[in-house]
Amino acid sequence: MKIYLDCLPCLLNQVLKAARAATEDQKLQRRVLNEVAAMITELPLDLKATEIAQRGYRLVSRITGNKDPYCREKAEANRMALSLYTQMKRLVDQSSDKLSTACKLAIIGNSLDLGPNFEHGGLENIIKIAGTCPLAVNHYKQFQNSLSNCRRLLYLGDNAGEIVFDRLLIEELRLFGDLEIYFVVREKPVINDVTLKDALSVGMDKVATVVSSGSDAPATILSQCSARLQKLYCSADIIIAKGQGNYESLEGEIGNIFFFLRAKCPLVADLLGVKVGDCVLKKHSKAD
C-alpha cells in the first residue's frame, strides 16, 4: 500500500506512543518527534506505508536506546492469551465448523495491536465476540478449497498475544493432512510484533517450523526478507498473511495469499470496502 497523506500524522502519533513507552525523558521524546518530522519531509513517494513505519521505529530505538519498548506488554499479552487457550479450544471443538471458528478467532485476535489507535475491549471481550463477529469480506470457502491441494503453508505472523490464536488455527490446519507449515516472526523487536522469543514462549515451535523474516519491518517486505524466507514464500501453496501491516506490504504482490485481519484504520478499511473494526478473510486477487 502506498503512502497517503493521512499516514504521516498517524506515524507521528505511533512513534510518540512508542517513545513514551521507551523512555520517560521528555527531551528524548521530543527529539524522536523532531527527527521523524524531519524524515517525513524527505520521504520518497514510492515507499510503502510499512516502510516509513519501519524507519520511524528505528529512530525511536536509536534515540532512546530502548530496543524493545513494549517488552512487558508483549509478555503479558502472551501470558493472558495462553490462560484463555482452553476456553478458545473449547469454542472451536464445540462448533459445527471447527476450521471456520478457528479462522474467525485468528482474525479477531488481530485486534491485539499497539500500533494503530484501536480499542478492542480486552482479550476476554475479543473471545466473547469471536463467534458472532461476521466476516465483512468472506473468502473462507476459497481458503478451505485451497487446502485440498496444499502441501506447504507459510503463515506470516503479526502480534504477540495474537500468536496464541494463530497456534490454535495451525492446530486445526494440521488435521487437513501432512502439511508443511512455517510460521514467520520478525528478526528484531518492533512495536508488539511477534519475535522468535514470543513464538517459543507460546509453544509455536511444537506445531510449526518457526523462521525469521530477516527484517525488522512491522510487516513482510519481501525485498528485505532473508533468502530463506523469499524461497519459502515462492514455494508456498498457501500464504496466510496476518494483520493490517502484512496487507499493506503484500497487497499487489504475486502469490496465493489469504489476508486475515481486522481493519483498524479508515484508509485500509476503504481499500477493502469495509468499515473500521470489520473482520476480513480476503483471497488475494493477483495471480502469477
C-alpha atoms as a PDB file:
ATOM      1  CA  MET A   1       0.000   0.000   0.000  1.00  0.00           C
ATOM      2  CA  LYS A   2       1.408   3.393  -0.981  1.00  0.00           C
ATOM      3  CA  ILE A   3       1.801   6.332   1.362  1.00  0.00           C
ATOM      4  CA  TYR A   4      -1.235   8.575   1.801  1.00  0.00           C
ATOM      5  CA  LEU A   5      -1.084  11.979   3.479  1.00  0.00           C
ATOM      6  CA  ASP A   6      -3.157  10.543   6.328  1.00  0.00           C
ATOM      7  CA  CYS A   7      -0.315   8.077   7.031  1.00  0.00           C
ATOM      8  CA  LEU A   8       2.021  10.883   8.105  1.00  0.00           C
ATOM      9  CA  PRO A   9       0.214  12.231  11.206  1.00  0.00           C
ATOM     10  CA  CYS A  10      -0.596   8.615  12.091  1.00  0.00           C
ATOM     11  CA  LEU A  11       3.131   7.827  12.021  1.00  0.00           C
ATOM     12  CA  LEU A  12       3.863  10.744  14.353  1.00  0.00           C
ATOM     13  CA  ASN A  13       1.215   9.527  16.803  1.00  0.00           C
ATOM     14  CA  GLN A  14       2.585   5.992  16.721  1.00  0.00           C
ATOM     15  CA  VAL A  15       6.215   6.948  17.276  1.00  0.00           C
ATOM     16  CA  LEU A  16       5.243   9.308  20.097  1.00  0.00           C
ATOM     17  CA  LYS A  17       3.431   6.436  21.796  1.00  0.00           C
ATOM     18  CA  ALA A  18       6.473   4.193  21.282  1.00  0.00           C
ATOM     19  CA  ALA A  19       8.854   6.900  22.536  1.00  0.00           C
ATOM     20  CA  ARG A  20       6.803   7.283  25.711  1.00  0.00           C
ATOM     21  CA  ALA A  21       6.903   3.510  26.193  1.00  0.00           C
ATOM     22  CA  ALA A  22      10.677   3.540  25.622  1.00  0.00           C
ATOM     23  CA  THR A  23      11.642   6.394  27.958  1.00  0.00           C
ATOM     24  CA  GLU A  24      10.243   8.898  30.456  1.00  0.00           C
ATOM     25  CA  ASP A  25      12.719  11.520  29.267  1.00  0.00           C
ATOM     26  CA  GLN A  26      10.597  14.154  27.541  1.00  0.00           C
ATOM     27  CA  LYS A  27      13.629  15.655  25.843  1.00  0.00           C
ATOM     28  CA  LEU A  28      14.272  12.349  24.104  1.00  0.00           C
ATOM     29  CA  GLN A  29      10.585  12.019  23.261  1.00  0.00           C
ATOM     30  CA  ARG A  30      10.683  15.466  21.664  1.00  0.00           C
ATOM     31  CA  ARG A  31      13.856  14.563  19.780  1.00  0.00           C
ATOM     32  CA  VAL A  32      12.107  11.485  18.366  1.00  0.00           C
ATOM     33  CA  LEU A  33       9.240  13.642  17.099  1.00  0.00           C
ATOM     34  CA  ASN A  34      11.609  16.232  15.648  1.00  0.00           C
ATOM     35  CA  GLU A  35      13.668  13.675  13.755  1.00  0.00           C
ATOM     36  CA  VAL A  36      10.638  11.755  12.466  1.00  0.00           C
ATOM     37  CA  ALA A  37       9.067  15.025  11.319  1.00  0.00           C
ATOM     38  CA  ALA A  38      12.290  15.937   9.506  1.00  0.00           C
ATOM     39  CA  MET A  39      12.388  12.470   7.947  1.00  0.00           C
ATOM     40  CA  ILE A  40       8.838  12.885   6.646  1.00  0.00           C
ATOM     41  CA  THR A  41       9.811  15.901   4.528  1.00  0.00           C
ATOM     42  CA  GLU A  42      12.355  13.800   2.619  1.00  0.00           C
ATOM     43  CA  LEU A  43      10.365  10.585   2.142  1.00  0.00           C
ATOM     44  CA  PRO A  44      10.255   9.188  -1.410  1.00  0.00           C
ATOM     45  CA  LEU A  45       6.667   8.936  -2.606  1.00  0.00           C
ATOM     46  CA  ASP A  46       7.132   5.359  -3.812  1.00  0.00           C
ATOM     47  CA  LEU A  47       7.691   3.941  -0.320  1.00  0.00           C
ATOM     48  CA  LYS A  48       5.082   1.691   1.256  1.00  0.00           C
ATOM     49  CA  ALA A  49       3.368   2.763   4.452  1.00  0.00           C
ATOM     50  CA  THR A  50       5.086  -0.077   6.342  1.00  0.00           C
ATOM     51  CA  GLU A  51       8.498   1.142   5.185  1.00  0.00           C
ATOM     52  CA  ILE A  52       8.001   4.584   6.708  1.00  0.00           C
ATOM     53  CA  ALA A  53       6.785   2.940   9.908  1.00  0.00           C
ATOM     54  CA  GLN A  54       9.950   0.853   9.959  1.00  0.00           C
ATOM     55  CA  ARG A  55      12.099   3.979   9.664  1.00  0.00           C
ATOM     56  CA  GLY A  56      10.133   5.705  12.393  1.00  0.00           C
ATOM     57  CA  TYR A  57      10.527   2.852  14.877  1.00  0.00           C
ATOM     58  CA  ARG A  58      14.219   2.568  14.082  1.00  0.00           C
ATOM     59  CA  LEU A  59      14.584   6.208  15.124  1.00  0.00           C
ATOM     60  CA  VAL A  60      12.756   5.508  18.405  1.00  0.00           C
ATOM     61  CA  SER A  61      15.176   2.667  19.123  1.00  0.00           C
ATOM     62  CA  ARG A  62      18.287   4.647  18.191  1.00  0.00           C
ATOM     63  CA  ILE A  63      17.390   7.844  20.062  1.00  0.00           C
ATOM     64  CA  THR A  64      16.051   6.286  23.285  1.00  0.00           C
ATOM     65  CA  GLY A  65      18.445   3.333  23.369  1.00  0.00           C
ATOM     66  CA  ASN A  66      15.488   1.056  24.122  1.00  0.00           C
ATOM     67  CA  LYS A  67      15.440  -1.799  21.606  1.00  0.00           C
ATOM     68  CA  ASP A  68      12.155  -3.295  22.835  1.00  0.00           C
ATOM     69  CA  PRO A  69       9.831  -0.651  24.354  1.00  0.00           C
ATOM     70  CA  TYR A  70       6.848  -2.993  24.509  1.00  0.00           C
ATOM     71  CA  CYS A  71       8.669  -5.979  26.027  1.00  0.00           C
ATOM     72  CA  ARG A  72       6.471  -6.139  29.127  1.00  0.00           C
ATOM     73  CA  GLU A  73       3.248  -5.622  27.191  1.00  0.00           C
ATOM     74  CA  LYS A  74       4.144  -8.455  24.821  1.00  0.00           C
ATOM     75  CA  ALA A  75       4.960 -10.864  27.628  1.00  0.00           C
ATOM     76  CA  GLU A  76       1.696 -10.015  29.395  1.00  0.00           C
ATOM     77  CA  ALA A  77      -0.326 -10.428  26.187  1.00  0.00           C
ATOM     78  CA  ASN A  78       1.224 -13.855  25.624  1.00  0.00           C
ATOM     79  CA  ARG A  79       0.540 -14.857  29.227  1.00  0.00           C
ATOM     80  CA  MET A  80      -3.075 -13.700  29.131  1.00  0.00           C
ATOM     81  CA  ALA A  81      -3.793 -15.324  25.786  1.00  0.00           C
ATOM     82  CA  LEU A  82      -2.293 -18.628  26.979  1.00  0.00           C
ATOM     83  CA  SER A  83      -4.500 -18.503  30.077  1.00  0.00           C
ATOM     84  CA  LEU A  84      -7.534 -18.361  27.765  1.00  0.00           C
ATOM     85  CA  TYR A  85      -6.324 -21.084  25.388  1.00  0.00           C
ATOM     86  CA  THR A  86      -8.541 -23.790  26.916  1.00  0.00           C
ATOM     87  CA  GLN A  87     -11.600 -21.557  26.561  1.00  0.00           C
ATOM     88  CA  MET A  88     -10.762 -20.829  22.918  1.00  0.00           C
ATOM     89  CA  LYS A  89     -10.086 -24.506  22.208  1.00  0.00           C
ATOM     90  CA  ARG A  90     -13.500 -25.392  23.662  1.00  0.00           C
ATOM     91  CA  LEU A  91     -15.173 -22.859  21.356  1.00  0.00           C
ATOM     92  CA  VAL A  92     -13.537 -24.500  18.363  1.00  0.00           C
ATOM     93  CA  ASP A  93     -14.269 -28.081  19.431  1.00  0.00           C
ATOM     94  CA  GLN A  94     -17.939 -27.340  20.111  1.00  0.00           C
ATOM     95  CA  SER A  95     -18.570 -25.571  16.793  1.00  0.00           C
ATOM     96  CA  SER A  96     -20.141 -27.180  13.734  1.00  0.00           C
ATOM     97  CA  ASP A  97     -17.281 -25.991  11.524  1.00  0.00           C
ATOM     98  CA  LYS A  98     -14.100 -26.114  13.581  1.00  0.00           C
ATOM     99  CA  LEU A  99     -11.841 -24.646  10.913  1.00  0.00           C
ATOM    100  CA  SER A 100     -14.179 -21.714  10.303  1.00  0.00           C
ATOM    101  CA  THR A 101     -14.322 -20.925  14.011  1.00  0.00           C
ATOM    102  CA  ALA A 102     -10.528 -21.182  14.312  1.00  0.00           C
ATOM    103  CA  CYS A 103     -10.173 -18.792  11.360  1.00  0.00           C
ATOM    104  CA  LYS A 104     -12.528 -16.284  12.986  1.00  0.00           C
ATOM    105  CA  LEU A 105     -10.653 -16.500  16.270  1.00  0.00           C
ATOM    106  CA  ALA A 106      -7.350 -15.908  14.473  1.00  0.00           C
ATOM    107  CA  ILE A 107      -8.825 -12.871  12.731  1.00  0.00           C
ATOM    108  CA  ILE A 108     -10.428 -11.381  15.837  1.00  0.00           C
ATOM    109  CA  GLY A 109      -7.119 -11.992  17.636  1.00  0.00           C
ATOM    110  CA  ASN A 110      -5.603  -9.462  15.247  1.00  0.00           C
ATOM    111  CA  SER A 111      -7.245  -6.829  17.448  1.00  0.00           C
ATOM    112  CA  LEU A 112      -4.185  -7.028  19.731  1.00  0.00           C
ATOM    113  CA  ASP A 113      -2.111  -4.297  18.109  1.00  0.00           C
ATOM    114  CA  LEU A 114      -0.233  -1.494  19.866  1.00  0.00           C
ATOM    115  CA  GLY A 115       0.463   0.404  16.642  1.00  0.00           C
ATOM    116  CA  PRO A 116      -2.866   1.803  15.398  1.00  0.00           C
ATOM    117  CA  ASN A 117      -5.132   3.660  17.810  1.00  0.00           C
ATOM    118  CA  PHE A 118      -7.697   0.871  18.029  1.00  0.00           C
ATOM    119  CA  GLU A 119      -9.768  -0.177  21.043  1.00  0.00           C
ATOM    120  CA  HIS A 120     -10.687  -3.853  21.371  1.00  0.00           C
ATOM    121  CA  GLY A 121     -12.072  -4.060  24.904  1.00  0.00           C
ATOM    122  CA  GLY A 122      -9.636  -6.659  26.195  1.00  0.00           C
ATOM    123  CA  LEU A 123      -8.849 -10.302  25.492  1.00  0.00           C
ATOM    124  CA  GLU A 124     -11.960 -11.766  27.092  1.00  0.00           C
ATOM    125  CA  ASN A 125     -14.161  -9.401  25.077  1.00  0.00           C
ATOM    126  CA  ILE A 126     -12.355 -10.456  21.892  1.00  0.00           C
ATOM    127  CA  ILE A 127     -13.149 -14.105  22.563  1.00  0.00           C
ATOM    128  CA  LYS A 128     -16.728 -13.275  23.538  1.00  0.00           C
ATOM    129  CA  ILE A 129     -17.494 -11.607  20.198  1.00  0.00           C
ATOM    130  CA  ALA A 130     -15.488 -14.039  18.042  1.00  0.00           C
ATOM    131  CA  GLY A 131     -18.354 -16.460  17.481  1.00  0.00           C
ATOM    132  CA  THR A 132     -20.805 -13.763  16.450  1.00  0.00           C
ATOM    133  CA  CYS A 133     -18.462 -11.466  14.534  1.00  0.00           C
ATOM    134  CA  PRO A 134     -19.320 -11.698  10.801  1.00  0.00           C
ATOM    135  CA  LEU A 135     -16.653 -11.554   8.103  1.00  0.00           C
ATOM    136  CA  ALA A 136     -17.151  -8.367   6.098  1.00  0.00           C
ATOM    137  CA  VAL A 137     -15.048  -9.966   3.362  1.00  0.00           C
ATOM    138  CA  ASN A 138     -15.612 -13.715   3.438  1.00  0.00           C
ATOM    139  CA  HIS A 139     -13.436 -15.881   1.192  1.00  0.00           C
ATOM    140  CA  TYR A 140     -13.465 -18.802   3.620  1.00  0.00           C
ATOM    141  CA  LYS A 141     -14.721 -21.279   1.008  1.00  0.00           C
ATOM    142  CA  GLN A 142     -11.852 -20.397  -1.339  1.00  0.00           C
ATOM    143  CA  PHE A 143      -9.438 -20.849   1.559  1.00  0.00           C
ATOM    144  CA  GLN A 144     -10.971 -24.182   2.501  1.00  0.00           C
ATOM    145  CA  ASN A 145     -10.815 -25.388  -1.113  1.00  0.00           C
ATOM    146  CA  SER A 146      -7.168 -24.356  -1.439  1.00  0.00           C
ATOM    147  CA  LEU A 147      -6.241 -26.593   1.470  1.00  0.00           C
ATOM    148  CA  SER A 148      -7.099 -29.726  -0.526  1.00  0.00           C
ATOM    149  CA  ASN A 149      -4.083 -29.117  -2.801  1.00  0.00           C
ATOM    150  CA  CYS A 150      -1.772 -27.603  -0.196  1.00  0.00           C
ATOM    151  CA  ARG A 151       1.491 -29.215   0.831  1.00  0.00           C
ATOM    152  CA  ARG A 152       3.434 -26.181   2.084  1.00  0.00           C
ATOM    153  CA  LEU A 153       1.769 -23.348   4.007  1.00  0.00           C
ATOM    154  CA  LEU A 154       3.527 -20.133   5.003  1.00  0.00           C
ATOM    155  CA  TYR A 155       1.939 -18.318   7.944  1.00  0.00           C
ATOM    156  CA  LEU A 156       3.099 -14.703   8.315  1.00  0.00           C
ATOM    157  CA  GLY A 157       2.642 -13.807  11.968  1.00  0.00           C
ATOM    158  CA  ASP A 158       1.804 -10.394  13.373  1.00  0.00           C
ATOM    159  CA  ASN A 159       1.483  -9.611  17.071  1.00  0.00           C
ATOM    160  CA  ALA A 160       2.288 -11.045  20.497  1.00  0.00           C
ATOM    161  CA  GLY A 161      -0.764 -12.463  22.252  1.00  0.00           C
ATOM    162  CA  GLU A 162      -2.400 -12.885  18.878  1.00  0.00           C
ATOM    163  CA  ILE A 163       0.003 -15.754  18.190  1.00  0.00           C
ATOM    164  CA  VAL A 164      -1.888 -17.978  20.635  1.00  0.00           C
ATOM    165  CA  PHE A 165      -4.931 -17.566  18.355  1.00  0.00           C
ATOM    166  CA  ASP A 166      -2.635 -18.372  15.418  1.00  0.00           C
ATOM    167  CA  ARG A 167      -1.420 -21.541  17.111  1.00  0.00           C
ATOM    168  CA  LEU A 168      -4.996 -22.686  17.593  1.00  0.00           C
ATOM    169  CA  LEU A 169      -5.692 -22.232  13.870  1.00  0.00           C
ATOM    170  CA  ILE A 170      -2.492 -24.062  12.907  1.00  0.00           C
ATOM    171  CA  GLU A 171      -3.552 -26.990  15.078  1.00  0.00           C
ATOM    172  CA  GLU A 172      -6.775 -27.214  13.071  1.00  0.00           C
ATOM    173  CA  LEU A 173      -4.933 -26.848   9.770  1.00  0.00           C
ATOM    174  CA  ARG A 174      -2.783 -29.840  10.674  1.00  0.00           C
ATOM    175  CA  LEU A 175      -5.920 -32.011  10.551  1.00  0.00           C
ATOM    176  CA  PHE A 176      -6.130 -31.383   6.799  1.00  0.00           C
ATOM    177  CA  GLY A 177      -3.238 -33.712   6.021  1.00  0.00           C
ATOM    178  CA  ASP A 178       0.516 -33.821   6.114  1.00  0.00           C
ATOM    179  CA  LEU A 179       1.021 -30.064   5.816  1.00  0.00           C
ATOM    180  CA  GLU A 180       4.447 -28.474   5.977  1.00  0.00           C
ATOM    181  CA  ILE A 181       3.762 -25.294   7.966  1.00  0.00           C
ATOM    182  CA  TYR A 182       6.180 -22.414   8.530  1.00  0.00           C
ATOM    183  CA  PHE A 183       5.412 -19.598  10.953  1.00  0.00           C
ATOM    184  CA  VAL A 184       7.236 -16.322  10.283  1.00  0.00           C
ATOM    185  CA  VAL A 185       8.396 -13.909  13.001  1.00  0.00           C
ATOM    186  CA  ARG A 186      10.270 -10.580  12.957  1.00  0.00           C
ATOM    187  CA  GLU A 187      14.062 -10.604  13.084  1.00  0.00           C
ATOM    188  CA  LYS A 188      14.137  -7.914  15.811  1.00  0.00           C
ATOM    189  CA  PRO A 189      11.574  -6.346  18.171  1.00  0.00           C
ATOM    190  CA  VAL A 190       9.303  -3.724  16.604  1.00  0.00           C
ATOM    191  CA  ILE A 191       6.113  -2.464  18.297  1.00  0.00           C
ATOM    192  CA  ASN A 192       4.401  -5.581  19.743  1.00  0.00           C
ATOM    193  CA  ASP A 193       5.134  -7.735  16.694  1.00  0.00           C
ATOM    194  CA  VAL A 194       5.995 -11.374  17.281  1.00  0.00           C
ATOM    195  CA  THR A 195       9.655 -12.370  17.602  1.00  0.00           C
ATOM    196  CA  LEU A 196      11.252 -15.786  17.982  1.00  0.00           C
ATOM    197  CA  LYS A 197      11.180 -15.340  21.770  1.00  0.00           C
ATOM    198  CA  ASP A 198       7.421 -14.739  21.706  1.00  0.00           C
ATOM    199  CA  ALA A 199       6.769 -17.693  19.399  1.00  0.00           C
ATOM    200  CA  LEU A 200       8.747 -20.086  21.594  1.00  0.00           C
ATOM    201  CA  SER A 201       7.026 -18.801  24.750  1.00  0.00           C
ATOM    202  CA  VAL A 202       3.611 -19.944  23.449  1.00  0.00           C
ATOM    203  CA  GLY A 203       4.833 -23.238  22.008  1.00  0.00           C
ATOM    204  CA  MET A 204       4.552 -22.277  18.347  1.00  0.00           C
ATOM    205  CA  ASP A 205       7.576 -24.460  17.599  1.00  0.00           C
ATOM    206  CA  LYS A 206       5.514 -27.508  18.590  1.00  0.00           C
ATOM    207  CA  VAL A 207       3.029 -27.001  15.741  1.00  0.00           C
ATOM    208  CA  ALA A 208       5.096 -25.256  13.033  1.00  0.00           C
ATOM    209  CA  THR A 209       8.638 -24.544  11.919  1.00  0.00           C
ATOM    210  CA  VAL A 210       9.409 -21.035  13.186  1.00  0.00           C
ATOM    211  CA  VAL A 211      11.509 -18.888  10.854  1.00  0.00           C
ATOM    212  CA  SER A 212      12.600 -15.248  10.894  1.00  0.00           C
ATOM    213  CA  SER A 213      11.705 -12.846   8.114  1.00  0.00           C
ATOM    214  CA  GLY A 214      15.235 -11.474   8.324  1.00  0.00           C
ATOM    215  CA  SER A 215      13.839  -7.957   8.693  1.00  0.00           C
ATOM    216  CA  ASP A 216      12.775  -5.576  11.475  1.00  0.00           C
ATOM    217  CA  ALA A 217       9.903  -4.159   9.406  1.00  0.00           C
ATOM    218  CA  PRO A 218       6.470  -4.297  11.114  1.00  0.00           C
ATOM    219  CA  ALA A 219       5.250  -6.298   8.101  1.00  0.00           C
ATOM    220  CA  THR A 220       6.582  -8.632   5.401  1.00  0.00           C
ATOM    221  CA  ILE A 221       8.517  -6.512   2.916  1.00  0.00           C
ATOM    222  CA  LEU A 222       9.747  -9.164   0.504  1.00  0.00           C
ATOM    223  CA  SER A 223      12.732  -7.175  -0.780  1.00  0.00           C
ATOM    224  CA  GLN A 224      14.074  -7.026   2.795  1.00  0.00           C
ATOM    225  CA  CYS A 225      13.453 -10.655   3.703  1.00  0.00           C
ATOM    226  CA  SER A 226      16.156 -13.293   4.009  1.00  0.00           C
ATOM    227  CA  ALA A 227      16.937 -15.573   1.070  1.00  0.00           C
ATOM    228  CA  ARG A 228      15.399 -18.468   3.001  1.00  0.00           C
ATOM    229  CA  LEU A 229      12.135 -16.623   3.601  1.00  0.00           C
ATOM    230  CA  GLN A 230      11.912 -15.491  -0.030  1.00  0.00           C
ATOM    231  CA  LYS A 231      12.412 -19.100  -1.158  1.00  0.00           C
ATOM    232  CA  LEU A 232       9.703 -20.318   1.214  1.00  0.00           C
ATOM    233  CA  TYR A 233       7.374 -17.571   0.007  1.00  0.00           C
ATOM    234  CA  CYS A 234       7.825 -18.540  -3.656  1.00  0.00           C
ATOM    235  CA  SER A 235       7.361 -22.256  -2.956  1.00  0.00           C
ATOM    236  CA  ALA A 236       4.333 -21.985  -0.645  1.00  0.00           C
ATOM    237  CA  ASP A 237       0.998 -23.311  -1.896  1.00  0.00           C
ATOM    238  CA  ILE A 238      -0.866 -21.046   0.532  1.00  0.00           C
ATOM    239  CA  ILE A 239       0.273 -17.897   2.316  1.00  0.00           C
ATOM    240  CA  ILE A 240      -1.699 -16.692   5.341  1.00  0.00           C
ATOM    241  CA  ALA A 241      -0.833 -13.037   5.916  1.00  0.00           C
ATOM    242  CA  LYS A 242      -1.941 -11.872   9.343  1.00  0.00           C
ATOM    243  CA  GLY A 243      -2.692  -8.276  10.138  1.00  0.00           C
ATOM    244  CA  GLN A 244      -3.022  -4.878   8.593  1.00  0.00           C
ATOM    245  CA  GLY A 245       0.731  -4.394   8.150  1.00  0.00           C
ATOM    246  CA  ASN A 246       1.071  -7.531   6.044  1.00  0.00           C
ATOM    247  CA  TYR A 247      -1.889  -6.398   3.955  1.00  0.00           C
ATOM    248  CA  GLU A 248      -0.228  -3.026   3.399  1.00  0.00           C
ATOM    249  CA  SER A 249       3.088  -4.599   2.380  1.00  0.00           C
ATOM    250  CA  LEU A 250       1.846  -7.555   0.298  1.00  0.00           C
ATOM    251  CA  GLU A 251      -1.150  -6.044  -1.467  1.00  0.00           C
ATOM    252  CA  GLY A 252      -0.073  -6.136  -5.105  1.00  0.00           C
ATOM    253  CA  GLU A 253       2.478  -8.950  -4.686  1.00  0.00           C
ATOM    254  CA  ILE A 254       2.174 -12.284  -6.501  1.00  0.00           C
ATOM    255  CA  GLY A 255       1.100 -15.351  -4.539  1.00  0.00           C
ATOM    256  CA  ASN A 256      -1.838 -17.408  -3.299  1.00  0.00           C
ATOM    257  CA  ILE A 257      -2.298 -15.079  -0.326  1.00  0.00           C
ATOM    258  CA  PHE A 258      -5.168 -15.053   2.127  1.00  0.00           C
ATOM    259  CA  PHE A 259      -5.295 -11.911   4.266  1.00  0.00           C
ATOM    260  CA  PHE A 260      -6.590 -12.475   7.806  1.00  0.00           C
ATOM    261  CA  LEU A 261      -7.097  -9.142   9.562  1.00  0.00           C
ATOM    262  CA  ARG A 262      -9.258  -6.678  11.387  1.00  0.00           C
ATOM    263  CA  ALA A 263      -9.403  -3.295   9.637  1.00  0.00           C
ATOM    264  CA  LYS A 264      -8.048  -0.742  12.097  1.00  0.00           C
ATOM    265  CA  CYS A 265      -7.776   2.487  10.119  1.00  0.00           C
ATOM    266  CA  PRO A 266     -10.098   4.318   7.706  1.00  0.00           C
ATOM    267  CA  LEU A 267      -7.640   4.119   4.790  1.00  0.00           C
ATOM    268  CA  VAL A 268      -7.262   0.344   4.934  1.00  0.00           C
ATOM    269  CA  ALA A 269     -10.975  -0.078   5.558  1.00  0.00           C
ATOM    270  CA  ASP A 270     -11.754   1.967   2.424  1.00  0.00           C
ATOM    271  CA  LEU A 271      -9.312  -0.064   0.325  1.00  0.00           C
ATOM    272  CA  LEU A 272     -11.001  -3.255   1.499  1.00  0.00           C
ATOM    273  CA  GLY A 273     -14.509  -1.852   1.110  1.00  0.00           C
ATOM    274  CA  VAL A 274     -15.326  -2.380   4.800  1.00  0.00           C
ATOM    275  CA  LYS A 275     -15.765  -0.375   7.993  1.00  0.00           C
ATOM    276  CA  VAL A 276     -13.172   0.225  10.700  1.00  0.00           C
ATOM    277  CA  GLY A 277     -13.325  -2.716  13.082  1.00  0.00           C
ATOM    278  CA  ASP A 278     -14.603  -5.198  10.491  1.00  0.00           C
ATOM    279  CA  CYS A 279     -13.112  -8.697  10.237  1.00  0.00           C
ATOM    280  CA  VAL A 280     -11.706  -9.759   6.899  1.00  0.00           C
ATOM    281  CA  LEU A 281     -10.691 -13.053   5.280  1.00  0.00           C
ATOM    282  CA  LYS A 282      -9.697 -11.984   1.786  1.00  0.00           C
ATOM    283  CA  LYS A 283      -8.169 -14.002  -1.030  1.00  0.00           C
ATOM    284  CA  HIS A 284      -5.558 -12.010  -2.903  1.00  0.00           C
ATOM    285  CA  SER A 285      -6.602 -11.326  -6.498  1.00  0.00           C
ATOM    286  CA  LYS A 286      -3.168 -11.033  -8.152  1.00  0.00           C
ATOM    287  CA  ALA A 287      -2.004 -14.307  -9.744  1.00  0.00           C
ATOM    288  CA  ASP A 288       1.308 -15.409 -11.261  1.00  0.00           C
END
